[in-house]
PDB file of all heavy atoms in Angstrom:
ATOM      1  N   ASP A   1       0.811  -1.221   0.000  1.00  0.00           N
ATOM      2  CA  ASP A   1       0.000   0.000   0.000  1.00  0.00           C
ATOM      3  C   ASP A   1       0.845   1.272   0.000  1.00  0.00           C
ATOM      4  O   ASP A   1       0.358   2.343  -0.337  1.00  0.00           O
ATOM      5  CB  ASP A   1      -0.964   0.018   1.194  1.00  0.00           C
ATOM      6  CG  ASP A   1      -0.261  -0.227   2.525  1.00  0.00           C
ATOM      7  OD1 ASP A   1       0.975  -0.440   2.516  1.00  0.00           O
ATOM      8  OD2 ASP A   1      -0.927  -0.212   3.565  1.00  0.00           O
ATOM      9  N   ALA A   2       2.114   1.166   0.359  1.00  0.00           N
ATOM     10  CA  ALA A   2       2.976   2.344   0.350  1.00  0.00           C
ATOM     11  C   ALA A   2       3.765   2.471  -0.951  1.00  0.00           C
ATOM     12  O   ALA A   2       4.540   3.405  -1.117  1.00  0.00           O
ATOM     13  CB  ALA A   2       3.948   2.298   1.527  1.00  0.00           C
ATOM     14  N   LYS A   3       3.577   1.523  -1.875  1.00  0.00           N
ATOM     15  CA  LYS A   3       4.320   1.538  -3.134  1.00  0.00           C
ATOM     16  C   LYS A   3       3.325   1.541  -4.284  1.00  0.00           C
ATOM     17  O   LYS A   3       2.591   0.575  -4.480  1.00  0.00           O
ATOM     18  CB  LYS A   3       5.246   0.324  -3.225  1.00  0.00           C
ATOM     19  CG  LYS A   3       6.303   0.285  -2.139  1.00  0.00           C
ATOM     20  CD  LYS A   3       7.165  -0.959  -2.257  1.00  0.00           C
ATOM     21  CE  LYS A   3       8.064  -0.905  -3.465  1.00  0.00           C
ATOM     22  NZ  LYS A   3       9.007  -2.053  -3.497  1.00  0.00           N
ATOM     23  N   GLU A   4       3.292   2.645  -5.012  1.00  0.00           N
ATOM     24  CA  GLU A   4       2.323   2.781  -6.097  1.00  0.00           C
ATOM     25  C   GLU A   4       2.965   3.413  -7.322  1.00  0.00           C
ATOM     26  O   GLU A   4       3.974   4.109  -7.232  1.00  0.00           O
ATOM     27  CB  GLU A   4       1.127   3.630  -5.640  1.00  0.00           C
ATOM     28  CG  GLU A   4       0.295   2.991  -4.541  1.00  0.00           C
ATOM     29  CD  GLU A   4      -0.871   3.873  -4.122  1.00  0.00           C
ATOM     30  OE1 GLU A   4      -0.642   5.075  -3.899  1.00  0.00           O
ATOM     31  OE2 GLU A   4      -1.995   3.358  -4.022  1.00  0.00           O
ATOM     32  N   VAL A   5       2.347   3.140  -8.457  1.00  0.00           N
ATOM     33  CA  VAL A   5       2.662   3.813  -9.710  1.00  0.00           C
ATOM     34  C   VAL A   5       1.411   4.577 -10.116  1.00  0.00           C
ATOM     35  O   VAL A   5       0.300   4.047 -10.025  1.00  0.00           O
ATOM     36  CB  VAL A   5       3.048   2.798 -10.805  1.00  0.00           C
ATOM     37  CG1 VAL A   5       3.207   3.496 -12.147  1.00  0.00           C
ATOM     38  CG2 VAL A   5       4.333   2.088 -10.435  1.00  0.00           C
ATOM     39  N   TYR A   6       1.578   5.822 -10.539  1.00  0.00           N
ATOM     40  CA  TYR A   6       0.445   6.677 -10.871  1.00  0.00           C
ATOM     41  C   TYR A   6       0.358   6.820 -12.385  1.00  0.00           C
ATOM     42  O   TYR A   6       1.321   7.253 -13.027  1.00  0.00           O
ATOM     43  CB  TYR A   6       0.600   8.050 -10.210  1.00  0.00           C
ATOM     44  CG  TYR A   6       0.882   7.964  -8.730  1.00  0.00           C
ATOM     45  CD1 TYR A   6       2.194   7.900  -8.253  1.00  0.00           C
ATOM     46  CD2 TYR A   6      -0.151   7.910  -7.802  1.00  0.00           C
ATOM     47  CE1 TYR A   6       2.465   7.797  -6.903  1.00  0.00           C
ATOM     48  CE2 TYR A   6       0.109   7.814  -6.440  1.00  0.00           C
ATOM     49  CZ  TYR A   6       1.421   7.753  -5.995  1.00  0.00           C
ATOM     50  OH  TYR A   6       1.681   7.642  -4.653  1.00  0.00           O
ATOM     51  N   VAL A   7      -0.785   6.456 -12.955  1.00  0.00           N
ATOM     52  CA  VAL A   7      -0.997   6.557 -14.399  1.00  0.00           C
ATOM     53  C   VAL A   7      -2.046   7.634 -14.637  1.00  0.00           C
ATOM     54  O   VAL A   7      -3.208   7.480 -14.220  1.00  0.00           O
ATOM     55  CB  VAL A   7      -1.433   5.216 -15.009  1.00  0.00           C
ATOM     56  CG1 VAL A   7      -1.523   5.323 -16.531  1.00  0.00           C
ATOM     57  CG2 VAL A   7      -0.448   4.111 -14.624  1.00  0.00           C
ATOM     58  N   LEU A   8      -1.646   8.718 -15.289  1.00  0.00           N
ATOM     59  CA  LEU A   8      -2.516   9.886 -15.438  1.00  0.00           C
ATOM     60  C   LEU A   8      -2.528  10.344 -16.888  1.00  0.00           C
ATOM     61  O   LEU A   8      -1.830   9.798 -17.743  1.00  0.00           O
ATOM     62  CB  LEU A   8      -2.000  11.030 -14.550  1.00  0.00           C
ATOM     63  CG  LEU A   8      -1.803  10.719 -13.066  1.00  0.00           C
ATOM     64  CD1 LEU A   8      -1.139  11.895 -12.373  1.00  0.00           C
ATOM     65  CD2 LEU A   8      -3.126  10.383 -12.397  1.00  0.00           C
ATOM     66  N   GLY A   9      -3.340  11.375 -17.152  1.00  0.00           N
ATOM     67  CA  GLY A   9      -3.409  11.945 -18.493  1.00  0.00           C
ATOM     68  C   GLY A   9      -4.438  11.242 -19.344  1.00  0.00           C
ATOM     69  O   GLY A   9      -5.486  10.804 -18.861  1.00  0.00           O
ATOM     70  N   GLU A  10      -4.150  11.099 -20.615  1.00  0.00           N
ATOM     71  CA  GLU A  10      -5.142  10.628 -21.575  1.00  0.00           C
ATOM     72  C   GLU A  10      -5.115   9.103 -21.705  1.00  0.00           C
ATOM     73  O   GLU A  10      -4.756   8.538 -22.739  1.00  0.00           O
ATOM     74  CB  GLU A  10      -4.934  11.346 -22.903  1.00  0.00           C
ATOM     75  CG  GLU A  10      -5.168  12.851 -22.743  1.00  0.00           C
ATOM     76  CD  GLU A  10      -5.076  13.613 -24.039  1.00  0.00           C
ATOM     77  OE1 GLU A  10      -4.962  12.988 -25.099  1.00  0.00           O
ATOM     78  OE2 GLU A  10      -5.112  14.855 -23.986  1.00  0.00           O
ATOM     79  N   VAL A  11      -5.475   8.483 -20.584  1.00  0.00           N
ATOM     80  CA  VAL A  11      -5.716   7.039 -20.544  1.00  0.00           C
ATOM     81  C   VAL A  11      -7.182   6.853 -20.171  1.00  0.00           C
ATOM     82  O   VAL A  11      -7.849   7.767 -19.701  1.00  0.00           O
ATOM     83  CB  VAL A  11      -4.801   6.338 -19.526  1.00  0.00           C
ATOM     84  CG1 VAL A  11      -3.354   6.374 -19.987  1.00  0.00           C
ATOM     85  CG2 VAL A  11      -4.943   6.954 -18.136  1.00  0.00           C
ATOM     86  N   LEU A  12      -7.678   5.640 -20.364  1.00  0.00           N
ATOM     87  CA  LEU A  12      -9.104   5.414 -20.119  1.00  0.00           C
ATOM     88  C   LEU A  12      -9.461   5.475 -18.643  1.00  0.00           C
ATOM     89  O   LEU A  12     -10.535   5.960 -18.279  1.00  0.00           O
ATOM     90  CB  LEU A  12      -9.513   4.057 -20.710  1.00  0.00           C
ATOM     91  CG  LEU A  12      -9.537   3.982 -22.238  1.00  0.00           C
ATOM     92  CD1 LEU A  12      -9.937   2.590 -22.695  1.00  0.00           C
ATOM     93  CD2 LEU A  12     -10.489   5.035 -22.813  1.00  0.00           C
ATOM     94  N   ARG A  13      -8.562   4.970 -17.760  1.00  0.00           N
ATOM     95  CA  ARG A  13      -8.880   4.945 -16.331  1.00  0.00           C
ATOM     96  C   ARG A  13      -7.691   5.469 -15.529  1.00  0.00           C
ATOM     97  O   ARG A  13      -6.882   4.680 -15.025  1.00  0.00           O
ATOM     98  CB  ARG A  13      -9.229   3.520 -15.880  1.00  0.00           C
ATOM     99  CG  ARG A  13     -10.488   2.950 -16.524  1.00  0.00           C
ATOM    100  CD  ARG A  13     -10.898   1.635 -15.845  1.00  0.00           C
ATOM    101  NE  ARG A  13      -9.858   0.620 -15.957  1.00  0.00           N
ATOM    102  CZ  ARG A  13      -9.740  -0.210 -16.989  1.00  0.00           C
ATOM    103  NH1 ARG A  13     -10.583  -0.133 -18.000  1.00  0.00           N
ATOM    104  NH2 ARG A  13      -8.777  -1.111 -17.015  1.00  0.00           N
ATOM    105  N   PRO A  14      -7.542   6.795 -15.415  1.00  0.00           N
ATOM    106  CA  PRO A  14      -6.439   7.325 -14.593  1.00  0.00           C
ATOM    107  C   PRO A  14      -6.551   6.795 -13.166  1.00  0.00           C
ATOM    108  O   PRO A  14      -7.635   6.797 -12.576  1.00  0.00           O
ATOM    109  CB  PRO A  14      -6.664   8.845 -14.636  1.00  0.00           C
ATOM    110  CG  PRO A  14      -7.513   9.071 -15.857  1.00  0.00           C
ATOM    111  CD  PRO A  14      -8.376   7.858 -15.982  1.00  0.00           C
ATOM    112  N   GLN A  15      -5.445   6.329 -12.605  1.00  0.00           N
ATOM    113  CA  GLN A  15      -5.505   5.722 -11.279  1.00  0.00           C
ATOM    114  C   GLN A  15      -4.104   5.497 -10.738  1.00  0.00           C
ATOM    115  O   GLN A  15      -3.107   5.625 -11.450  1.00  0.00           O
ATOM    116  CB  GLN A  15      -6.239   4.381 -11.351  1.00  0.00           C
ATOM    117  CG  GLN A  15      -5.556   3.357 -12.258  1.00  0.00           C
ATOM    118  CD  GLN A  15      -6.337   2.078 -12.376  1.00  0.00           C
ATOM    119  OE1 GLN A  15      -6.403   1.300 -11.429  1.00  0.00           O
ATOM    120  NE2 GLN A  15      -6.965   1.870 -13.546  1.00  0.00           N
ATOM    121  N   SER A  16      -4.061   5.156  -9.440  1.00  0.00           N
ATOM    122  CA  SER A  16      -2.813   4.692  -8.841  1.00  0.00           C
ATOM    123  C   SER A  16      -2.849   3.173  -8.821  1.00  0.00           C
ATOM    124  O   SER A  16      -3.885   2.571  -8.547  1.00  0.00           O
ATOM    125  CB  SER A  16      -2.668   5.239  -7.417  1.00  0.00           C
ATOM    126  OG  SER A  16      -3.748   4.818  -6.608  1.00  0.00           O
ATOM    127  N   LEU A  17      -1.717   2.550  -9.127  1.00  0.00           N
ATOM    128  CA  LEU A  17      -1.632   1.098  -9.219  1.00  0.00           C
ATOM    129  C   LEU A  17      -0.773   0.571  -8.084  1.00  0.00           C
ATOM    130  O   LEU A  17       0.339   1.056  -7.868  1.00  0.00           O
ATOM    131  CB  LEU A  17      -1.008   0.681 -10.563  1.00  0.00           C
ATOM    132  CG  LEU A  17      -1.677   1.217 -11.835  1.00  0.00           C
ATOM    133  CD1 LEU A  17      -0.866   0.792 -13.058  1.00  0.00           C
ATOM    134  CD2 LEU A  17      -3.111   0.702 -11.937  1.00  0.00           C
ATOM    135  N   SER A  18      -1.289  -0.422  -7.378  1.00  0.00           N
ATOM    136  CA  SER A  18      -0.487  -1.071  -6.346  1.00  0.00           C
ATOM    137  C   SER A  18       0.703  -1.756  -6.992  1.00  0.00           C
ATOM    138  O   SER A  18       0.569  -2.417  -8.019  1.00  0.00           O
ATOM    139  CB  SER A  18      -1.334  -2.095  -5.576  1.00  0.00           C
ATOM    140  OG  SER A  18      -2.402  -1.459  -4.909  1.00  0.00           O
ATOM    141  N   PHE A  19       1.849  -1.593  -6.381  1.00  0.00           N
ATOM    142  CA  PHE A  19       3.087  -2.110  -6.948  1.00  0.00           C
ATOM    143  C   PHE A  19       3.349  -3.486  -6.344  1.00  0.00           C
ATOM    144  O   PHE A  19       3.993  -3.617  -5.307  1.00  0.00           O
ATOM    145  CB  PHE A  19       4.235  -1.150  -6.621  1.00  0.00           C
ATOM    146  CG  PHE A  19       5.355  -1.188  -7.614  1.00  0.00           C
ATOM    147  CD1 PHE A  19       5.247  -0.509  -8.810  1.00  0.00           C
ATOM    148  CD2 PHE A  19       6.502  -1.894  -7.367  1.00  0.00           C
ATOM    149  CE1 PHE A  19       6.271  -0.512  -9.727  1.00  0.00           C
ATOM    150  CE2 PHE A  19       7.535  -1.922  -8.274  1.00  0.00           C
ATOM    151  CZ  PHE A  19       7.422  -1.230  -9.456  1.00  0.00           C
ATOM    152  N   ARG A  20       2.842  -4.525  -7.022  1.00  0.00           N
ATOM    153  CA  ARG A  20       2.929  -5.865  -6.458  1.00  0.00           C
ATOM    154  C   ARG A  20       4.344  -6.430  -6.505  1.00  0.00           C
ATOM    155  O   ARG A  20       4.741  -7.198  -5.651  1.00  0.00           O
ATOM    156  CB  ARG A  20       1.989  -6.810  -7.214  1.00  0.00           C
ATOM    157  CG  ARG A  20       0.522  -6.394  -7.147  1.00  0.00           C
ATOM    158  CD  ARG A  20      -0.351  -7.314  -7.980  1.00  0.00           C
ATOM    159  NE  ARG A  20      -1.727  -6.835  -8.017  1.00  0.00           N
ATOM    160  CZ  ARG A  20      -2.675  -7.397  -8.735  1.00  0.00           C
ATOM    161  NH1 ARG A  20      -2.407  -8.450  -9.463  1.00  0.00           N
ATOM    162  NH2 ARG A  20      -3.903  -6.916  -8.726  1.00  0.00           N
ATOM    163  N   THR A  21       5.074  -6.078  -7.549  1.00  0.00           N
ATOM    164  CA  THR A  21       6.429  -6.602  -7.703  1.00  0.00           C
ATOM    165  C   THR A  21       7.328  -5.489  -8.205  1.00  0.00           C
ATOM    166  O   THR A  21       6.881  -4.388  -8.512  1.00  0.00           O
ATOM    167  CB  THR A  21       6.479  -7.772  -8.715  1.00  0.00           C
ATOM    168  OG1 THR A  21       6.365  -7.242 -10.033  1.00  0.00           O
ATOM    169  CG2 THR A  21       5.367  -8.759  -8.459  1.00  0.00           C
ATOM    170  N   ASP A  22       8.631  -5.792  -8.276  1.00  0.00           N
ATOM    171  CA  ASP A  22       9.570  -4.840  -8.862  1.00  0.00           C
ATOM    172  C   ASP A  22       9.773  -5.124 -10.341  1.00  0.00           C
ATOM    173  O   ASP A  22      10.784  -4.768 -10.924  1.00  0.00           O
ATOM    174  CB  ASP A  22      10.926  -4.929  -8.133  1.00  0.00           C
ATOM    175  CG  ASP A  22      10.937  -4.093  -6.875  1.00  0.00           C
ATOM    176  OD1 ASP A  22      10.058  -3.231  -6.745  1.00  0.00           O
ATOM    177  OD2 ASP A  22      11.811  -4.313  -6.029  1.00  0.00           O
ATOM    178  N   ASP A  23       8.790  -5.760 -10.964  1.00  0.00           N
ATOM    179  CA  ASP A  23       8.954  -6.177 -12.347  1.00  0.00           C
ATOM    180  C   ASP A  23       7.771  -5.723 -13.213  1.00  0.00           C
ATOM    181  O   ASP A  23       7.357  -6.417 -14.122  1.00  0.00           O
ATOM    182  CB  ASP A  23       9.106  -7.703 -12.411  1.00  0.00           C
ATOM    183  CG  ASP A  23       9.686  -8.174 -13.738  1.00  0.00           C
ATOM    184  OD1 ASP A  23      10.480  -7.416 -14.317  1.00  0.00           O
ATOM    185  OD2 ASP A  23       9.342  -9.280 -14.183  1.00  0.00           O
ATOM    186  N   MET A  24       7.204  -4.549 -12.904  1.00  0.00           N
ATOM    187  CA  MET A  24       6.097  -4.026 -13.695  1.00  0.00           C
ATOM    188  C   MET A  24       6.649  -3.240 -14.876  1.00  0.00           C
ATOM    189  O   MET A  24       7.474  -2.354 -14.717  1.00  0.00           O
ATOM    190  CB  MET A  24       5.193  -3.121 -12.848  1.00  0.00           C
ATOM    191  CG  MET A  24       3.938  -2.659 -13.602  1.00  0.00           C
ATOM    192  SD  MET A  24       3.001  -1.378 -12.707  1.00  0.00           S
ATOM    193  CE  MET A  24       2.557  -2.240 -11.218  1.00  0.00           C
ATOM    194  N   THR A  25       6.193  -3.579 -16.067  1.00  0.00           N
ATOM    195  CA  THR A  25       6.636  -2.858 -17.259  1.00  0.00           C
ATOM    196  C   THR A  25       5.695  -1.705 -17.546  1.00  0.00           C
ATOM    197  O   THR A  25       4.573  -1.633 -17.034  1.00  0.00           O
ATOM    198  CB  THR A  25       6.700  -3.786 -18.478  1.00  0.00           C
ATOM    199  OG1 THR A  25       5.358  -4.194 -18.820  1.00  0.00           O
ATOM    200  CG2 THR A  25       7.541  -5.018 -18.194  1.00  0.00           C
ATOM    201  N   LEU A  26       6.154  -0.805 -18.414  1.00  0.00           N
ATOM    202  CA  LEU A  26       5.316   0.322 -18.821  1.00  0.00           C
ATOM    203  C   LEU A  26       4.070  -0.189 -19.540  1.00  0.00           C
ATOM    204  O   LEU A  26       2.973   0.367 -19.368  1.00  0.00           O
ATOM    205  CB  LEU A  26       6.129   1.253 -19.724  1.00  0.00           C
ATOM    206  CG  LEU A  26       5.423   2.499 -20.261  1.00  0.00           C
ATOM    207  CD1 LEU A  26       4.812   3.316 -19.135  1.00  0.00           C
ATOM    208  CD2 LEU A  26       6.406   3.335 -21.078  1.00  0.00           C
ATOM    209  N   THR A  27       4.189  -1.239 -20.313  1.00  0.00           N
ATOM    210  CA  THR A  27       3.022  -1.833 -20.985  1.00  0.00           C
ATOM    211  C   THR A  27       1.993  -2.300 -19.971  1.00  0.00           C
ATOM    212  O   THR A  27       0.786  -2.061 -20.131  1.00  0.00           O
ATOM    213  CB  THR A  27       3.466  -3.018 -21.859  1.00  0.00           C
ATOM    214  OG1 THR A  27       4.372  -2.551 -22.855  1.00  0.00           O
ATOM    215  CG2 THR A  27       2.274  -3.663 -22.547  1.00  0.00           C
ATOM    216  N   GLN A  28       2.453  -2.964 -18.918  1.00  0.00           N
ATOM    217  CA  GLN A  28       1.524  -3.462 -17.898  1.00  0.00           C
ATOM    218  C   GLN A  28       0.846  -2.312 -17.158  1.00  0.00           C
ATOM    219  O   GLN A  28      -0.353  -2.371 -16.873  1.00  0.00           O
ATOM    220  CB  GLN A  28       2.277  -4.358 -16.916  1.00  0.00           C
ATOM    221  CG  GLN A  28       2.747  -5.676 -17.512  1.00  0.00           C
ATOM    222  CD  GLN A  28       3.693  -6.429 -16.604  1.00  0.00           C
ATOM    223  OE1 GLN A  28       4.469  -5.831 -15.855  1.00  0.00           O
ATOM    224  NE2 GLN A  28       3.652  -7.760 -16.662  1.00  0.00           N
ATOM    225  N   ALA A  29       1.589  -1.261 -16.853  1.00  0.00           N
ATOM    226  CA  ALA A  29       1.018  -0.112 -16.156  1.00  0.00           C
ATOM    227  C   ALA A  29      -0.069   0.548 -17.002  1.00  0.00           C
ATOM    228  O   ALA A  29      -1.166   0.869 -16.513  1.00  0.00           O
ATOM    229  CB  ALA A  29       2.111   0.889 -15.810  1.00  0.00           C
ATOM    230  N   LEU A  30       0.211   0.755 -18.290  1.00  0.00           N
ATOM    231  CA  LEU A  30      -0.787   1.353 -19.173  1.00  0.00           C
ATOM    232  C   LEU A  30      -1.985   0.431 -19.348  1.00  0.00           C
ATOM    233  O   LEU A  30      -3.136   0.881 -19.394  1.00  0.00           O
ATOM    234  CB  LEU A  30      -0.149   1.666 -20.528  1.00  0.00           C
ATOM    235  CG  LEU A  30       0.892   2.790 -20.551  1.00  0.00           C
ATOM    236  CD1 LEU A  30       1.593   2.843 -21.899  1.00  0.00           C
ATOM    237  CD2 LEU A  30       0.254   4.141 -20.223  1.00  0.00           C
ATOM    238  N   GLY A  31      -1.726  -0.882 -19.421  1.00  0.00           N
ATOM    239  CA  GLY A  31      -2.817  -1.834 -19.594  1.00  0.00           C
ATOM    240  C   GLY A  31      -3.755  -1.856 -18.407  1.00  0.00           C
ATOM    241  O   GLY A  31      -4.975  -1.924 -18.570  1.00  0.00           O
ATOM    242  N   ARG A  32      -3.217  -1.770 -17.204  1.00  0.00           N
ATOM    243  CA  ARG A  32      -4.074  -1.772 -16.013  1.00  0.00           C
ATOM    244  C   ARG A  32      -4.885  -0.489 -15.906  1.00  0.00           C
ATOM    245  O   ARG A  32      -5.901  -0.446 -15.197  1.00  0.00           O
ATOM    246  CB  ARG A  32      -3.222  -1.993 -14.762  1.00  0.00           C
ATOM    247  CG  ARG A  32      -2.697  -3.426 -14.648  1.00  0.00           C
ATOM    248  CD  ARG A  32      -1.708  -3.593 -13.515  1.00  0.00           C
ATOM    249  NE  ARG A  32      -2.304  -3.314 -12.212  1.00  0.00           N
ATOM    250  CZ  ARG A  32      -1.627  -3.369 -11.067  1.00  0.00           C
ATOM    251  NH1 ARG A  32      -0.336  -3.688 -11.086  1.00  0.00           N
ATOM    252  NH2 ARG A  32      -2.221  -3.107  -9.918  1.00  0.00           N
ATOM    253  N   ALA A  33      -4.435   0.569 -16.600  1.00  0.00           N
ATOM    254  CA  ALA A  33      -5.200   1.824 -16.625  1.00  0.00           C
ATOM    255  C   ALA A  33      -6.127   1.892 -17.834  1.00  0.00           C
ATOM    256  O   ALA A  33      -6.686   2.949 -18.134  1.00  0.00           O
ATOM    257  CB  ALA A  33      -4.247   3.014 -16.627  1.00  0.00           C
ATOM    258  N   GLY A  34      -6.293   0.787 -18.538  1.00  0.00           N
ATOM    259  CA  GLY A  34      -7.212   0.739 -19.663  1.00  0.00           C
ATOM    260  C   GLY A  34      -6.597   1.099 -20.996  1.00  0.00           C
ATOM    261  O   GLY A  34      -7.271   1.072 -22.025  1.00  0.00           O
ATOM    262  N   GLY A  35      -5.319   1.457 -21.004  1.00  0.00           N
ATOM    263  CA  GLY A  35      -4.660   1.821 -22.252  1.00  0.00           C
ATOM    264  C   GLY A  35      -4.882   3.280 -22.618  1.00  0.00           C
ATOM    265  O   GLY A  35      -5.596   4.026 -21.936  1.00  0.00           O
ATOM    266  N   LEU A  36      -4.249   3.690 -23.712  1.00  0.00           N
ATOM    267  CA  LEU A  36      -4.380   5.082 -24.165  1.00  0.00           C
ATOM    268  C   LEU A  36      -5.788   5.337 -24.698  1.00  0.00           C
ATOM    269  O   LEU A  36      -6.421   4.457 -25.279  1.00  0.00           O
ATOM    270  CB  LEU A  36      -3.360   5.385 -25.278  1.00  0.00           C
ATOM    271  CG  LEU A  36      -1.936   5.741 -24.848  1.00  0.00           C
ATOM    272  CD1 LEU A  36      -1.287   4.628 -24.041  1.00  0.00           C
ATOM    273  CD2 LEU A  36      -1.086   6.074 -26.072  1.00  0.00           C
ATOM    274  N   ASN A  37      -6.260   6.552 -24.461  1.00  0.00           N
ATOM    275  CA  ASN A  37      -7.570   6.948 -24.966  1.00  0.00           C
ATOM    276  C   ASN A  37      -7.485   7.079 -26.488  1.00  0.00           C
ATOM    277  O   ASN A  37      -6.768   7.939 -27.000  1.00  0.00           O
ATOM    278  CB  ASN A  37      -7.996   8.281 -24.341  1.00  0.00           C
ATOM    279  CG  ASN A  37      -9.442   8.611 -24.643  1.00  0.00           C
ATOM    280  OD1 ASN A  37      -9.899   8.421 -25.770  1.00  0.00           O
ATOM    281  ND2 ASN A  37     -10.158   9.101 -23.639  1.00  0.00           N
ATOM    282  N   PRO A  38      -8.189   6.244 -27.246  1.00  0.00           N
ATOM    283  CA  PRO A  38      -8.047   6.261 -28.711  1.00  0.00           C
ATOM    284  C   PRO A  38      -8.554   7.550 -29.350  1.00  0.00           C
ATOM    285  O   PRO A  38      -8.182   7.874 -30.477  1.00  0.00           O
ATOM    286  CB  PRO A  38      -8.871   5.057 -29.165  1.00  0.00           C
ATOM    287  CG  PRO A  38      -9.870   4.835 -28.063  1.00  0.00           C
ATOM    288  CD  PRO A  38      -9.175   5.231 -26.802  1.00  0.00           C
ATOM    289  N   VAL A  39      -9.405   8.305 -28.644  1.00  0.00           N
ATOM    290  CA  VAL A  39      -9.979   9.513 -29.220  1.00  0.00           C
ATOM    291  C   VAL A  39      -9.004  10.676 -29.162  1.00  0.00           C
ATOM    292  O   VAL A  39      -8.872  11.460 -30.098  1.00  0.00           O
ATOM    293  CB  VAL A  39     -11.297   9.882 -28.500  1.00  0.00           C
ATOM    294  CG1 VAL A  39     -11.860  11.200 -29.038  1.00  0.00           C
ATOM    295  CG2 VAL A  39     -12.303   8.755 -28.639  1.00  0.00           C
ATOM    296  N   THR A  40      -8.274  10.787 -28.051  1.00  0.00           N
ATOM    297  CA  THR A  40      -7.470  11.988 -27.827  1.00  0.00           C
ATOM    298  C   THR A  40      -5.972  11.764 -27.850  1.00  0.00           C
ATOM    299  O   THR A  40      -5.209  12.720 -27.777  1.00  0.00           O
ATOM    300  CB  THR A  40      -7.837  12.612 -26.467  1.00  0.00           C
ATOM    301  OG1 THR A  40      -7.538  11.653 -25.440  1.00  0.00           O
ATOM    302  CG2 THR A  40      -9.303  12.972 -26.419  1.00  0.00           C
ATOM    303  N   SER A  41      -5.518  10.511 -27.914  1.00  0.00           N
ATOM    304  CA  SER A  41      -4.097  10.258 -27.719  1.00  0.00           C
ATOM    305  C   SER A  41      -3.341   9.940 -29.003  1.00  0.00           C
ATOM    306  O   SER A  41      -2.222   9.456 -28.968  1.00  0.00           O
ATOM    307  CB  SER A  41      -3.913   9.085 -26.743  1.00  0.00           C
ATOM    308  OG  SER A  41      -4.498   7.905 -27.283  1.00  0.00           O
ATOM    309  N   SER A  42      -3.927  10.213 -30.161  1.00  0.00           N
ATOM    310  CA  SER A  42      -3.287   9.832 -31.414  1.00  0.00           C
ATOM    311  C   SER A  42      -1.980  10.570 -31.650  1.00  0.00           C
ATOM    312  O   SER A  42      -1.095  10.086 -32.335  1.00  0.00           O
ATOM    313  CB  SER A  42      -4.250  10.070 -32.586  1.00  0.00           C
ATOM    314  OG  SER A  42      -4.617  11.435 -32.639  1.00  0.00           O
ATOM    315  N   SER A  43      -1.841  11.767 -31.129  1.00  0.00           N
ATOM    316  CA  SER A  43      -0.617  12.537 -31.355  1.00  0.00           C
ATOM    317  C   SER A  43       0.113  12.807 -30.043  1.00  0.00           C
ATOM    318  O   SER A  43       0.705  13.867 -29.862  1.00  0.00           O
ATOM    319  CB  SER A  43      -0.952  13.871 -32.042  1.00  0.00           C
ATOM    320  OG  SER A  43      -1.812  14.640 -31.209  1.00  0.00           O
ATOM    321  N   LYS A  44       0.063  11.853 -29.162  1.00  0.00           N
ATOM    322  CA  LYS A  44       0.610  12.057 -27.829  1.00  0.00           C
ATOM    323  C   LYS A  44       1.893  11.269 -27.617  1.00  0.00           C
ATOM    324  O   LYS A  44       2.277  10.413 -28.410  1.00  0.00           O
ATOM    325  CB  LYS A  44      -0.413  11.640 -26.757  1.00  0.00           C
ATOM    326  CG  LYS A  44      -1.770  12.304 -26.895  1.00  0.00           C
ATOM    327  CD  LYS A  44      -1.688  13.821 -26.791  1.00  0.00           C
ATOM    328  CE  LYS A  44      -3.064  14.461 -26.903  1.00  0.00           C
ATOM    329  NZ  LYS A  44      -2.995  15.930 -26.890  1.00  0.00           N
ATOM    330  N   SER A  45       2.533  11.580 -26.494  1.00  0.00           N
ATOM    331  CA  SER A  45       3.679  10.815 -26.025  1.00  0.00           C
ATOM    332  C   SER A  45       3.348  10.238 -24.647  1.00  0.00           C
ATOM    333  O   SER A  45       2.452  10.727 -23.948  1.00  0.00           O
ATOM    334  CB  SER A  45       4.924  11.701 -25.917  1.00  0.00           C
ATOM    335  OG  SER A  45       5.497  11.925 -27.194  1.00  0.00           O
TER     336      SER A  45
END
């Protein structure tokens, strides 16, 4: 509960993610937040 990754901006479900392991990839973090918003994120980083 004291270790989190925060996924914000133009994703489908902005949220804080519990950090279960030290092996979370950027793909997994974005996936748990629902992925990039297809409507607004076409020209994003």
